[in-house]
PDB file of N, CA and C in Angstrom:
ATOM      1  N   MET A   1       0.841  -1.165   0.000  1.00  0.00           N
ATOM      2  CA  MET A   1       0.000   0.000   0.000  1.00  0.00           C
ATOM      3  C   MET A   1       0.894   1.239   0.000  1.00  0.00           C
ATOM      4  N   GLN A   2       0.849   1.991  -1.057  1.00  0.00           N
ATOM      5  CA  GLN A   2       1.728   3.139  -1.221  1.00  0.00           C
ATOM      6  C   GLN A   2       1.387   4.317  -0.307  1.00  0.00           C
ATOM      7  N   LYS A   3       0.155   4.406   0.138  1.00  0.00           N
ATOM      8  CA  LYS A   3      -0.224   5.574   0.931  1.00  0.00           C
ATOM      9  C   LYS A   3       0.158   5.455   2.399  1.00  0.00           C
ATOM     10  N   PHE A   4       0.690   4.299   2.804  1.00  0.00           N
ATOM     11  CA  PHE A   4       1.096   4.076   4.189  1.00  0.00           C
ATOM     12  C   PHE A   4       2.553   3.646   4.273  1.00  0.00           C
ATOM     13  N   ALA A   5       3.173   3.965   5.391  1.00  0.00           N
ATOM     14  CA  ALA A   5       4.463   3.365   5.743  1.00  0.00           C
ATOM     15  C   ALA A   5       4.118   2.160   6.618  1.00  0.00           C
ATOM     16  N   TYR A   6       4.659   1.010   6.288  1.00  0.00           N
ATOM     17  CA  TYR A   6       4.314  -0.222   7.000  1.00  0.00           C
ATOM     18  C   TYR A   6       5.448  -0.638   7.917  1.00  0.00           C
ATOM     19  N   VAL A   7       5.115  -0.921   9.177  1.00  0.00           N
ATOM     20  CA  VAL A   7       6.066  -1.458  10.148  1.00  0.00           C
ATOM     21  C   VAL A   7       5.575  -2.848  10.525  1.00  0.00           C
ATOM     22  N   PRO A   8       6.256  -3.894  10.052  1.00  0.00           N
ATOM     23  CA  PRO A   8       5.820  -5.260  10.373  1.00  0.00           C
ATOM     24  C   PRO A   8       6.152  -5.641  11.821  1.00  0.00           C
ATOM     25  N   HIS A   9       5.154  -6.056  12.539  1.00  0.00           N
ATOM     26  CA  HIS A   9       5.331  -6.431  13.945  1.00  0.00           C
ATOM     27  C   HIS A   9       6.416  -7.491  14.118  1.00  0.00           C
ATOM     28  N   ASP A  10       6.375  -8.522  13.315  1.00  0.00           N
ATOM     29  CA  ASP A  10       7.316  -9.639  13.475  1.00  0.00           C
ATOM     30  C   ASP A  10       8.772  -9.226  13.290  1.00  0.00           C
ATOM     31  N   ALA A  11       9.040  -8.192  12.507  1.00  0.00           N
ATOM     32  CA  ALA A  11      10.418  -7.757  12.269  1.00  0.00           C
ATOM     33  C   ALA A  11      10.985  -6.974  13.452  1.00  0.00           C
ATOM     34  N   TYR A  12      10.108  -6.474  14.304  1.00  0.00           N
ATOM     35  CA  TYR A  12      10.541  -5.635  15.428  1.00  0.00           C
ATOM     36  C   TYR A  12       9.885  -6.085  16.722  1.00  0.00           C
ATOM     37  N   PHE A  13       9.913  -7.357  16.980  1.00  0.00           N
ATOM     38  CA  PHE A  13       9.172  -7.925  18.102  1.00  0.00           C
ATOM     39  C   PHE A  13       9.463  -7.206  19.418  1.00  0.00           C
ATOM     40  N   ASN A  14      10.739  -6.966  19.725  1.00  0.00           N
ATOM     41  CA  ASN A  14      11.103  -6.365  21.010  1.00  0.00           C
ATOM     42  C   ASN A  14      11.119  -4.835  20.989  1.00  0.00           C
ATOM     43  N   THR A  15      11.044  -4.231  19.808  1.00  0.00           N
ATOM     44  CA  THR A  15      11.118  -2.771  19.698  1.00  0.00           C
ATOM     45  C   THR A  15       9.974  -2.219  18.858  1.00  0.00           C
ATOM     46  N   HIS A  16       8.910  -2.967  18.746  1.00  0.00           N
ATOM     47  CA  HIS A  16       7.802  -2.619  17.861  1.00  0.00           C
ATOM     48  C   HIS A  16       7.305  -1.191  18.089  1.00  0.00           C
ATOM     49  N   SER A  17       6.937  -0.871  19.313  1.00  0.00           N
ATOM     50  CA  SER A  17       6.396   0.437  19.627  1.00  0.00           C
ATOM     51  C   SER A  17       7.387   1.541  19.264  1.00  0.00           C
ATOM     52  N   GLU A  18       8.638   1.353  19.622  1.00  0.00           N
ATOM     53  CA  GLU A  18       9.657   2.361  19.350  1.00  0.00           C
ATOM     54  C   GLU A  18       9.829   2.592  17.849  1.00  0.00           C
ATOM     55  N   VAL A  19       9.805   1.525  17.068  1.00  0.00           N
ATOM     56  CA  VAL A  19       9.968   1.658  15.619  1.00  0.00           C
ATOM     57  C   VAL A  19       8.760   2.345  14.998  1.00  0.00           C
ATOM     58  N   VAL A  20       7.569   2.030  15.472  1.00  0.00           N
ATOM     59  CA  VAL A  20       6.369   2.697  14.959  1.00  0.00           C
ATOM     60  C   VAL A  20       6.446   4.194  15.259  1.00  0.00           C
ATOM     61  N   ILE A  21       6.832   4.557  16.462  1.00  0.00           N
ATOM     62  CA  ILE A  21       6.948   5.969  16.850  1.00  0.00           C
ATOM     63  C   ILE A  21       7.999   6.674  15.995  1.00  0.00           C
ATOM     64  N   GLN A  22       9.156   6.058  15.846  1.00  0.00           N
ATOM     65  CA  GLN A  22      10.232   6.648  15.041  1.00  0.00           C
ATOM     66  C   GLN A  22       9.798   6.814  13.582  1.00  0.00           C
ATOM     67  N   THR A  23       9.150   5.804  13.040  1.00  0.00           N
ATOM     68  CA  THR A  23       8.674   5.874  11.657  1.00  0.00           C
ATOM     69  C   THR A  23       7.646   6.992  11.501  1.00  0.00           C
ATOM     70  N   ALA A  24       6.744   7.119  12.462  1.00  0.00           N
ATOM     71  CA  ALA A  24       5.723   8.173  12.408  1.00  0.00           C
ATOM     72  C   ALA A  24       6.361   9.553  12.437  1.00  0.00           C
ATOM     73  N   ARG A  25       7.430   9.701  13.192  1.00  0.00           N
ATOM     74  CA  ARG A  25       8.105  11.000  13.283  1.00  0.00           C
ATOM     75  C   ARG A  25       8.876  11.341  12.010  1.00  0.00           C
ATOM     76  N   LEU A  26       9.404  10.326  11.343  1.00  0.00           N
ATOM     77  CA  LEU A  26      10.264  10.553  10.182  1.00  0.00           C
ATOM     78  C   LEU A  26       9.536  10.536   8.845  1.00  0.00           C
ATOM     79  N   CYS A  27       8.373   9.935   8.809  1.00  0.00           N
ATOM     80  CA  CYS A  27       7.674   9.702   7.549  1.00  0.00           C
ATOM     81  C   CYS A  27       6.519  10.680   7.381  1.00  0.00           C
ATOM     82  N   LYS A  28       6.277  11.066   6.150  1.00  0.00           N
ATOM     83  CA  LYS A  28       5.158  11.971   5.874  1.00  0.00           C
ATOM     84  C   LYS A  28       3.841  11.222   5.691  1.00  0.00           C
ATOM     85  N   LYS A  29       3.916   9.907   5.522  1.00  0.00           N
ATOM     86  CA  LYS A  29       2.708   9.093   5.339  1.00  0.00           C
ATOM     87  C   LYS A  29       2.248   8.547   6.689  1.00  0.00           C
ATOM     88  N   PRO A  30       0.967   8.211   6.795  1.00  0.00           N
ATOM     89  CA  PRO A  30       0.504   7.509   7.999  1.00  0.00           C
ATOM     90  C   PRO A  30       1.196   6.144   8.099  1.00  0.00           C
ATOM     91  N   VAL A  31       1.388   5.703   9.302  1.00  0.00           N
ATOM     92  CA  VAL A  31       2.051   4.420   9.561  1.00  0.00           C
ATOM     93  C   VAL A  31       0.983   3.374   9.847  1.00  0.00           C
ATOM     94  N   ILE A  32       1.191   2.208   9.274  1.00  0.00           N
ATOM     95  CA  ILE A  32       0.279   1.092   9.528  1.00  0.00           C
ATOM     96  C   ILE A  32       1.113  -0.069  10.076  1.00  0.00           C
ATOM     97  N   THR A  33       0.541  -0.770  11.046  1.00  0.00           N
ATOM     98  CA  THR A  33       1.206  -1.931  11.622  1.00  0.00           C
ATOM     99  C   THR A  33       0.138  -2.893  12.109  1.00  0.00           C
ATOM    100  N   GLU A  34       0.533  -4.084  12.437  1.00  0.00           N
ATOM    101  CA  GLU A  34      -0.401  -5.033  13.033  1.00  0.00           C
ATOM    102  C   GLU A  34      -0.024  -5.217  14.493  1.00  0.00           C
ATOM    103  N   CYS A  35      -0.996  -5.645  15.256  1.00  0.00           N
ATOM    104  CA  CYS A  35      -0.789  -5.831  16.691  1.00  0.00           C
ATOM    105  C   CYS A  35      -1.495  -7.110  17.110  1.00  0.00           C
ATOM    106  N   PRO A  36      -0.802  -8.238  17.032  1.00  0.00           N
ATOM    107  CA  PRO A  36      -1.473  -9.511  17.329  1.00  0.00           C
ATOM    108  C   PRO A  36      -1.831  -9.700  18.804  1.00  0.00           C
ATOM    109  N   PHE A  37      -1.251  -8.891  19.664  1.00  0.00           N
ATOM    110  CA  PHE A  37      -1.576  -8.920  21.091  1.00  0.00           C
ATOM    111  C   PHE A  37      -1.058  -7.619  21.700  1.00  0.00           C
ATOM    112  N   GLY A  38      -1.511  -7.291  22.894  1.00  0.00           N
ATOM    113  CA  GLY A  38      -1.035  -6.097  23.588  1.00  0.00           C
ATOM    114  C   GLY A  38      -1.496  -4.791  22.966  1.00  0.00           C
ATOM    115  N   GLU A  39      -2.685  -4.812  22.373  1.00  0.00           N
ATOM    116  CA  GLU A  39      -3.155  -3.606  21.684  1.00  0.00           C
ATOM    117  C   GLU A  39      -3.392  -2.435  22.636  1.00  0.00           C
ATOM    118  N   ARG A  40      -3.829  -2.708  23.854  1.00  0.00           N
ATOM    119  CA  ARG A  40      -4.022  -1.615  24.818  1.00  0.00           C
ATOM    120  C   ARG A  40      -2.697  -0.923  25.124  1.00  0.00           C
ATOM    121  N   LEU A  41      -1.668  -1.727  25.380  1.00  0.00           N
ATOM    122  CA  LEU A  41      -0.353  -1.159  25.703  1.00  0.00           C
ATOM    123  C   LEU A  41       0.241  -0.409  24.516  1.00  0.00           C
ATOM    124  N   LEU A  42       0.122  -0.978  23.328  1.00  0.00           N
ATOM    125  CA  LEU A  42       0.656  -0.305  22.148  1.00  0.00           C
ATOM    126  C   LEU A  42      -0.050   1.024  21.936  1.00  0.00           C
ATOM    127  N   ARG A  43      -1.363   1.009  22.003  1.00  0.00           N
ATOM    128  CA  ARG A  43      -2.118   2.250  21.792  1.00  0.00           C
ATOM    129  C   ARG A  43      -1.719   3.304  22.820  1.00  0.00           C
ATOM    130  N   ALA A  44      -1.631   2.918  24.084  1.00  0.00           N
ATOM    131  CA  ALA A  44      -1.262   3.863  25.145  1.00  0.00           C
ATOM    132  C   ALA A  44       0.134   4.434  24.909  1.00  0.00           C
ATOM    133  N   ASP A  45       1.067   3.593  24.533  1.00  0.00           N
ATOM    134  CA  ASP A  45       2.439   4.043  24.296  1.00  0.00           C
ATOM    135  C   ASP A  45       2.502   5.001  23.105  1.00  0.00           C
ATOM    136  N   LEU A  46       1.813   4.665  22.036  1.00  0.00           N
ATOM    137  CA  LEU A  46       1.810   5.526  20.856  1.00  0.00           C
ATOM    138  C   LEU A  46       1.176   6.878  21.177  1.00  0.00           C
ATOM    139  N   GLU A  47       0.039   6.864  21.847  1.00  0.00           N
ATOM    140  CA  GLU A  47      -0.636   8.119  22.184  1.00  0.00           C
ATOM    141  C   GLU A  47       0.196   8.953  23.155  1.00  0.00           C
ATOM    142  N   LYS A  48       0.851   8.289  24.100  1.00  0.00           N
ATOM    143  CA  LYS A  48       1.719   8.995  25.053  1.00  0.00           C
ATOM    144  C   LYS A  48       2.852   9.718  24.317  1.00  0.00           C
ATOM    145  N   ASN A  49       3.246   9.171  23.187  1.00  0.00           N
ATOM    146  CA  ASN A  49       4.330   9.759  22.392  1.00  0.00           C
ATOM    147  C   ASN A  49       3.829  10.638  21.250  1.00  0.00           C
ATOM    148  N   GLY A  50       2.578  11.059  21.337  1.00  0.00           N
ATOM    149  CA  GLY A  50       2.041  12.031  20.405  1.00  0.00           C
ATOM    150  C   GLY A  50       1.499  11.485  19.095  1.00  0.00           C
ATOM    151  N   CYS A  51       1.355  10.183  18.984  1.00  0.00           N
ATOM    152  CA  CYS A  51       0.823   9.588  17.757  1.00  0.00           C
ATOM    153  C   CYS A  51      -0.706   9.534  17.828  1.00  0.00           C
ATOM    154  N   LYS A  52      -1.340   9.847  16.728  1.00  0.00           N
ATOM    155  CA  LYS A  52      -2.784   9.673  16.616  1.00  0.00           C
ATOM    156  C   LYS A  52      -3.016   8.224  16.197  1.00  0.00           C
ATOM    157  N   VAL A  53      -3.792   7.506  16.960  1.00  0.00           N
ATOM    158  CA  VAL A  53      -4.032   6.089  16.704  1.00  0.00           C
ATOM    159  C   VAL A  53      -5.461   5.898  16.215  1.00  0.00           C
ATOM    160  N   ILE A  54      -5.584   5.251  15.061  1.00  0.00           N
ATOM    161  CA  ILE A  54      -6.892   4.909  14.515  1.00  0.00           C
ATOM    162  C   ILE A  54      -6.902   3.393  14.320  1.00  0.00           C
ATOM    163  N   PRO A  55      -7.452   2.656  15.284  1.00  0.00           N
ATOM    164  CA  PRO A  55      -7.412   1.189  15.184  1.00  0.00           C
ATOM    165  C   PRO A  55      -8.434   0.634  14.194  1.00  0.00           C
ATOM    166  N   TYR A  56      -8.017  -0.397  13.499  1.00  0.00           N
ATOM    167  CA  TYR A  56      -8.879  -1.218  12.642  1.00  0.00           C
ATOM    168  C   TYR A  56      -8.636  -2.655  13.094  1.00  0.00           C
ATOM    169  N   PHE A  57      -9.676  -3.449  13.139  1.00  0.00           N
ATOM    170  CA  PHE A  57      -9.543  -4.818  13.620  1.00  0.00           C
ATOM    171  C   PHE A  57      -9.892  -5.819  12.533  1.00  0.00           C
ATOM    172  N   VAL A  58      -8.940  -6.705  12.266  1.00  0.00           N
ATOM    173  CA  VAL A  58      -9.182  -7.802  11.328  1.00  0.00           C
ATOM    174  C   VAL A  58      -9.771  -8.953  12.130  1.00  0.00           C
ATOM    175  N   ILE A  59     -10.960  -9.361  11.732  1.00  0.00           N
ATOM    176  CA  ILE A  59     -11.670 -10.450  12.398  1.00  0.00           C
ATOM    177  C   ILE A  59     -11.953 -11.511  11.340  1.00  0.00           C
ATOM    178  N   GLU A  60     -11.318 -12.645  11.486  1.00  0.00           N
ATOM    179  CA  GLU A  60     -11.511 -13.743  10.539  1.00  0.00           C
ATOM    180  C   GLU A  60     -12.208 -14.906  11.237  1.00  0.00           C
ATOM    181  N   LYS A  61     -12.822 -15.760  10.458  1.00  0.00           N
ATOM    182  CA  LYS A  61     -13.437 -16.974  10.995  1.00  0.00           C
ATOM    183  C   LYS A  61     -12.334 -17.864  11.569  1.00  0.00           C
ATOM    184  N   PRO A  62     -12.652 -18.645  12.611  1.00  0.00           N
ATOM    185  CA  PRO A  62     -11.642 -19.500  13.245  1.00  0.00           C
ATOM    186  C   PRO A  62     -10.911 -20.413  12.256  1.00  0.00           C
ATOM    187  N   GLU A  63     -11.631 -20.946  11.266  1.00  0.00           N
ATOM    188  CA  GLU A  63     -10.969 -21.850  10.318  1.00  0.00           C
ATOM    189  C   GLU A  63      -9.960 -21.111   9.434  1.00  0.00           C
ATOM    190  N   VAL A  64     -10.214 -19.840   9.163  1.00  0.00           N
ATOM    191  CA  VAL A  64      -9.262 -19.033   8.379  1.00  0.00           C
ATOM    192  C   VAL A  64      -8.014 -18.763   9.213  1.00  0.00           C
ATOM    193  N   VAL A  65      -8.203 -18.385  10.473  1.00  0.00           N
ATOM    194  CA  VAL A  65      -7.080 -18.140  11.374  1.00  0.00           C
ATOM    195  C   VAL A  65      -6.231 -19.400  11.502  1.00  0.00           C
ATOM    196  N   LYS A  66      -6.887 -20.527  11.694  1.00  0.00           N
ATOM    197  CA  LYS A  66      -6.189 -21.811  11.851  1.00  0.00           C
ATOM    198  C   LYS A  66      -5.389 -22.143  10.596  1.00  0.00           C
ATOM    199  N   ALA A  67      -5.993 -22.036   9.444  1.00  0.00           N
ATOM    200  CA  ALA A  67      -5.314 -22.380   8.190  1.00  0.00           C
ATOM    201  C   ALA A  67      -4.118 -21.466   7.938  1.00  0.00           C
ATOM    202  N   ARG A  68      -4.287 -20.174   8.147  1.00  0.00           N
ATOM    203  CA  ARG A  68      -3.184 -19.232   7.930  1.00  0.00           C
ATOM    204  C   ARG A  68      -2.036 -19.485   8.890  1.00  0.00           C
ATOM    205  N   TYR A  69      -2.351 -19.698  10.159  1.00  0.00           N
ATOM    206  CA  TYR A  69      -1.323 -19.951  11.157  1.00  0.00           C
ATOM    207  C   TYR A  69      -0.539 -21.218  10.831  1.00  0.00           C
ATOM    208  N   GLU A  70      -1.253 -22.295  10.555  1.00  0.00           N
ATOM    209  CA  GLU A  70      -0.586 -23.573  10.306  1.00  0.00           C
ATOM    210  C   GLU A  70       0.243 -23.536   9.032  1.00  0.00           C
ATOM    211  N   LYS A  71      -0.191 -22.788   8.042  1.00  0.00           N
ATOM    212  CA  LYS A  71       0.607 -22.641   6.819  1.00  0.00           C
ATOM    213  C   LYS A  71       1.883 -21.844   7.116  1.00  0.00           C
ATOM    214  N   ARG A  72       1.741 -20.764   7.879  1.00  0.00           N
ATOM    215  CA  ARG A  72       2.875 -19.886   8.180  1.00  0.00           C
ATOM    216  C   ARG A  72       3.850 -20.533   9.156  1.00  0.00           C
ATOM    217  N   GLU A  73       3.347 -21.188  10.188  1.00  0.00           N
ATOM    218  CA  GLU A  73       4.194 -21.692  11.267  1.00  0.00           C
ATOM    219  C   GLU A  73       4.542 -23.176  11.157  1.00  0.00           C
ATOM    220  N   SER A  74       3.846 -23.890  10.293  1.00  0.00           N
ATOM    221  CA  SER A  74       4.055 -25.338  10.135  1.00  0.00           C
ATOM    222  C   SER A  74       3.870 -26.099  11.448  1.00  0.00           C
ATOM    223  N   LYS A  75       2.909 -25.662  12.236  1.00  0.00           N
ATOM    224  CA  LYS A  75       2.551 -26.361  13.474  1.00  0.00           C
ATOM    225  C   LYS A  75       1.107 -26.026  13.807  1.00  0.00           C
ATOM    226  N   PRO A  76       0.495 -26.835  14.674  1.00  0.00           N
ATOM    227  CA  PRO A  76      -0.914 -26.597  15.016  1.00  0.00           C
ATOM    228  C   PRO A  76      -1.115 -25.260  15.726  1.00  0.00           C
ATOM    229  N   LEU A  77      -2.266 -24.687  15.507  1.00  0.00           N
ATOM    230  CA  LEU A  77      -2.641 -23.439  16.164  1.00  0.00           C
ATOM    231  C   LEU A  77      -2.886 -23.699  17.645  1.00  0.00           C
ATOM    232  N   PRO A  78      -2.264 -22.925  18.543  1.00  0.00           N
ATOM    233  CA  PRO A  78      -2.522 -23.111  19.976  1.00  0.00           C
ATOM    234  C   PRO A  78      -3.980 -22.789  20.318  1.00  0.00           C
ATOM    235  N   ALA A  79      -4.526 -23.486  21.278  1.00  0.00           N
ATOM    236  CA  ALA A  79      -5.919 -23.275  21.688  1.00  0.00           C
ATOM    237  C   ALA A  79      -6.142 -21.838  22.146  1.00  0.00           C
ATOM    238  N   SER A  80      -5.122 -21.208  22.714  1.00  0.00           N
ATOM    239  CA  SER A  80      -5.264 -19.839  23.210  1.00  0.00           C
ATOM    240  C   SER A  80      -5.562 -18.850  22.078  1.00  0.00           C
ATOM    241  N   ALA A  81      -5.203 -19.197  20.863  1.00  0.00           N
ATOM    242  CA  ALA A  81      -5.458 -18.305  19.727  1.00  0.00           C
ATOM    243  C   ALA A  81      -6.956 -18.147  19.478  1.00  0.00           C
ATOM    244  N   PHE A  82      -7.726 -19.174  19.722  1.00  0.00           N
ATOM    245  CA  PHE A  82      -9.172 -19.068  19.543  1.00  0.00           C
ATOM    246  C   PHE A  82      -9.775 -18.148  20.600  1.00  0.00           C
ATOM    247  N   THR A  83      -9.265 -18.209  21.822  1.00  0.00           N
ATOM    248  CA  THR A  83      -9.717 -17.305  22.875  1.00  0.00           C
ATOM    249  C   THR A  83      -9.364 -15.877  22.507  1.00  0.00           C
ATOM    250  N   ARG A  84      -8.157 -15.688  22.009  1.00  0.00           N
ATOM    251  CA  ARG A  84      -7.698 -14.358  21.599  1.00  0.00           C
ATOM    252  C   ARG A  84      -8.576 -13.813  20.476  1.00  0.00           C
ATOM    253  N   ALA A  85      -8.896 -14.657  19.537  1.00  0.00           N
ATOM    254  CA  ALA A  85      -9.720 -14.223  18.402  1.00  0.00           C
ATOM    255  C   ALA A  85     -11.079 -13.719  18.866  1.00  0.00           C
ATOM    256  N   SER A  86     -11.653 -14.360  19.864  1.00  0.00           N
ATOM    257  CA  SER A  86     -12.956 -13.904  20.343  1.00  0.00           C
ATOM    258  C   SER A  86     -12.823 -12.635  21.174  1.00  0.00           C
ATOM    259  N   SER A  87     -11.733 -12.478  21.907  1.00  0.00           N
ATOM    260  CA  SER A  87     -11.573 -11.277  22.737  1.00  0.00           C
ATOM    261  C   SER A  87     -11.296 -10.039  21.898  1.00  0.00           C
ATOM    262  N   ILE A  88     -10.723 -10.208  20.723  1.00  0.00           N
ATOM    263  CA  ILE A  88     -10.404  -9.057  19.887  1.00  0.00           C
ATOM    264  C   ILE A  88     -11.677  -8.393  19.362  1.00  0.00           C
ATOM    265  N   VAL A  89     -12.726  -9.171  19.162  1.00  0.00           N
ATOM    266  CA  VAL A  89     -14.012  -8.594  18.767  1.00  0.00           C
ATOM    267  C   VAL A  89     -14.501  -7.663  19.874  1.00  0.00           C
ATOM    268  N   ASN A  90     -14.354  -8.087  21.114  1.00  0.00           N
ATOM    269  CA  ASN A  90     -14.768  -7.251  22.243  1.00  0.00           C
ATOM    270  C   ASN A  90     -14.000  -5.935  22.272  1.00  0.00           C
ATOM    271  N   ARG A  91     -12.698  -5.990  21.971  1.00  0.00           N
ATOM    272  CA  ARG A  91     -11.881  -4.770  21.965  1.00  0.00           C
ATOM    273  C   ARG A  91     -12.350  -3.824  20.850  1.00  0.00           C
ATOM    274  N   ALA A  92     -12.631  -4.366  19.687  1.00  0.00           N
ATOM    275  CA  ALA A  92     -13.103  -3.540  18.576  1.00  0.00           C
ATOM    276  C   ALA A  92     -14.421  -2.856  18.958  1.00  0.00           C
ATOM    277  N   LEU A  93     -15.308  -3.600  19.591  1.00  0.00           N
ATOM    278  CA  LEU A  93     -16.582  -3.020  20.028  1.00  0.00           C
ATOM    279  C   LEU A  93     -16.362  -1.955  21.108  1.00  0.00           C
ATOM    280  N   GLU A  94     -15.489  -2.259  22.061  1.00  0.00           N
ATOM    281  CA  GLU A  94     -15.178  -1.315  23.141  1.00  0.00           C
ATOM    282  C   GLU A  94     -14.630  -0.005  22.580  1.00  0.00           C
ATOM    283  N   TRP A  95     -13.751  -0.099  21.597  1.00  0.00           N
ATOM    284  CA  TRP A  95     -13.118   1.088  21.006  1.00  0.00           C
ATOM    285  C   TRP A  95     -13.950   1.684  19.869  1.00  0.00           C
ATOM    286  N   GLN A  96     -15.074   1.069  19.570  1.00  0.00           N
ATOM    287  CA  GLN A  96     -15.927   1.513  18.462  1.00  0.00           C
ATOM    288  C   GLN A  96     -15.104   1.679  17.186  1.00  0.00           C
ATOM    289  N   ALA A  97     -14.278   0.671  16.928  1.00  0.00           N
ATOM    290  CA  ALA A  97     -13.361   0.692  15.791  1.00  0.00           C
ATOM    291  C   ALA A  97     -13.909  -0.151  14.648  1.00  0.00           C
ATOM    292  N   PRO A  98     -13.565   0.219  13.423  1.00  0.00           N
ATOM    293  CA  PRO A  98     -13.966  -0.615  12.287  1.00  0.00           C
ATOM    294  C   PRO A  98     -13.385  -2.023  12.424  1.00  0.00           C
ATOM    295  N   MET A  99     -14.161  -3.017  12.018  1.00  0.00           N
ATOM    296  CA  MET A  99     -13.681  -4.394  12.021  1.00  0.00           C
ATOM    297  C   MET A  99     -14.254  -5.116  10.821  1.00  0.00           C
ATOM    298  N   GLY A 100     -13.537  -6.141  10.391  1.00  0.00           N
ATOM    299  CA  GLY A 100     -13.974  -6.938   9.259  1.00  0.00           C
ATOM    300  C   GLY A 100     -12.891  -7.920   8.877  1.00  0.00           C
ATOM    301  N   THR A 101     -13.134  -8.657   7.833  1.00  0.00           N
ATOM    302  CA  THR A 101     -12.118  -9.595   7.350  1.00  0.00           C
ATOM    303  C   THR A 101     -10.921  -8.797   6.835  1.00  0.00           C
ATOM    304  N   SER A 102      -9.833  -9.475   6.597  1.00  0.00           N
ATOM    305  CA  SER A 102      -8.647  -8.781   6.088  1.00  0.00           C
ATOM    306  C   SER A 102      -8.959  -8.060   4.780  1.00  0.00           C
ATOM    307  N   GLN A 103      -9.735  -8.685   3.915  1.00  0.00           N
ATOM    308  CA  GLN A 103     -10.092  -8.035   2.648  1.00  0.00           C
ATOM    309  C   GLN A 103     -10.971  -6.810   2.879  1.00  0.00           C
ATOM    310  N   GLN A 104     -11.911  -6.904   3.806  1.00  0.00           N
ATOM    311  CA  GLN A 104     -12.776  -5.760   4.093  1.00  0.00           C
ATOM    312  C   GLN A 104     -11.975  -4.583   4.668  1.00  0.00           C
ATOM    313  N   ILE A 105     -11.048  -4.878   5.558  1.00  0.00           N
ATOM    314  CA  ILE A 105     -10.223  -3.816   6.148  1.00  0.00           C
ATOM    315  C   ILE A 105      -9.290  -3.224   5.100  1.00  0.00           C
ATOM    316  N   LEU A 106      -8.718  -4.052   4.256  1.00  0.00           N
ATOM    317  CA  LEU A 106      -7.871  -3.547   3.179  1.00  0.00           C
ATOM    318  C   LEU A 106      -8.655  -2.590   2.289  1.00  0.00           C
ATOM    319  N   THR A 107      -9.869  -2.948   1.957  1.00  0.00           N
ATOM    320  CA  THR A 107     -10.715  -2.084   1.134  1.00  0.00           C
ATOM    321  C   THR A 107     -10.971  -0.754   1.836  1.00  0.00           C
ATOM    322  N   LYS A 108     -11.267  -0.803   3.140  1.00  0.00           N
ATOM    323  CA  LYS A 108     -11.505   0.433   3.902  1.00  0.00           C
ATOM    324  C   LYS A 108     -10.261   1.316   3.892  1.00  0.00           C
ATOM    325  N   LEU A 109      -9.096   0.721   4.057  1.00  0.00           N
ATOM    326  CA  LEU A 109      -7.845   1.491   4.061  1.00  0.00           C
ATOM    327  C   LEU A 109      -7.559   2.089   2.691  1.00  0.00           C
ATOM    328  N   GLU A 110      -7.835   1.317   1.652  1.00  0.00           N
ATOM    329  CA  GLU A 110      -7.612   1.824   0.286  1.00  0.00           C
ATOM    330  C   GLU A 110      -8.539   2.985  -0.028  1.00  0.00           C
ATOM    331  N   GLU A 111      -9.719   3.001   0.550  1.00  0.00           N
ATOM    332  CA  GLU A 111     -10.707   4.045   0.295  1.00  0.00           C
ATOM    333  C   GLU A 111     -10.464   5.330   1.082  1.00  0.00           C
ATOM    334  N   LEU A 112      -9.559   5.283   2.066  1.00  0.00           N
ATOM    335  CA  LEU A 112      -9.284   6.476   2.873  1.00  0.00           C
ATOM    336  C   LEU A 112      -8.744   7.591   2.000  1.00  0.00           C
ATOM    337  N   LYS A 113      -9.206   8.776   2.238  1.00  0.00           N
ATOM    338  CA  LYS A 113      -8.736   9.975   1.536  1.00  0.00           C
ATOM    339  C   LYS A 113      -7.673  10.632   2.399  1.00  0.00           C
ATOM    340  N   ILE A 114      -6.433  10.320   2.097  1.00  0.00           N
ATOM    341  CA  ILE A 114      -5.321  10.907   2.872  1.00  0.00           C
ATOM    342  C   ILE A 114      -4.293  11.526   1.947  1.00  0.00           C
TER     343      ILE A 114
END
């Protein structure tokens, strides 16, 4: 996506928040990243450092999550991932944030006028 600067969570596991903040300060484009866990802490840290946070939540069916994980990791999906998947819907509702499948969220991001 050309309209965003992307910071991949997996590439900066231990410094994710710091890299997102640094990228936001240096880049003229909005920064996009994923947050597979710890979204409250990430949001608080980003906002504390002057970043405007607009969360979007990707919500996929359990079988999609399972298939993607097992393809990527070559091992079974941990049972805790299903619990996490259900709790993320609650967070999206709590934050009144847009949510949808990965394709739906991608479409919403592409449609943004920035």
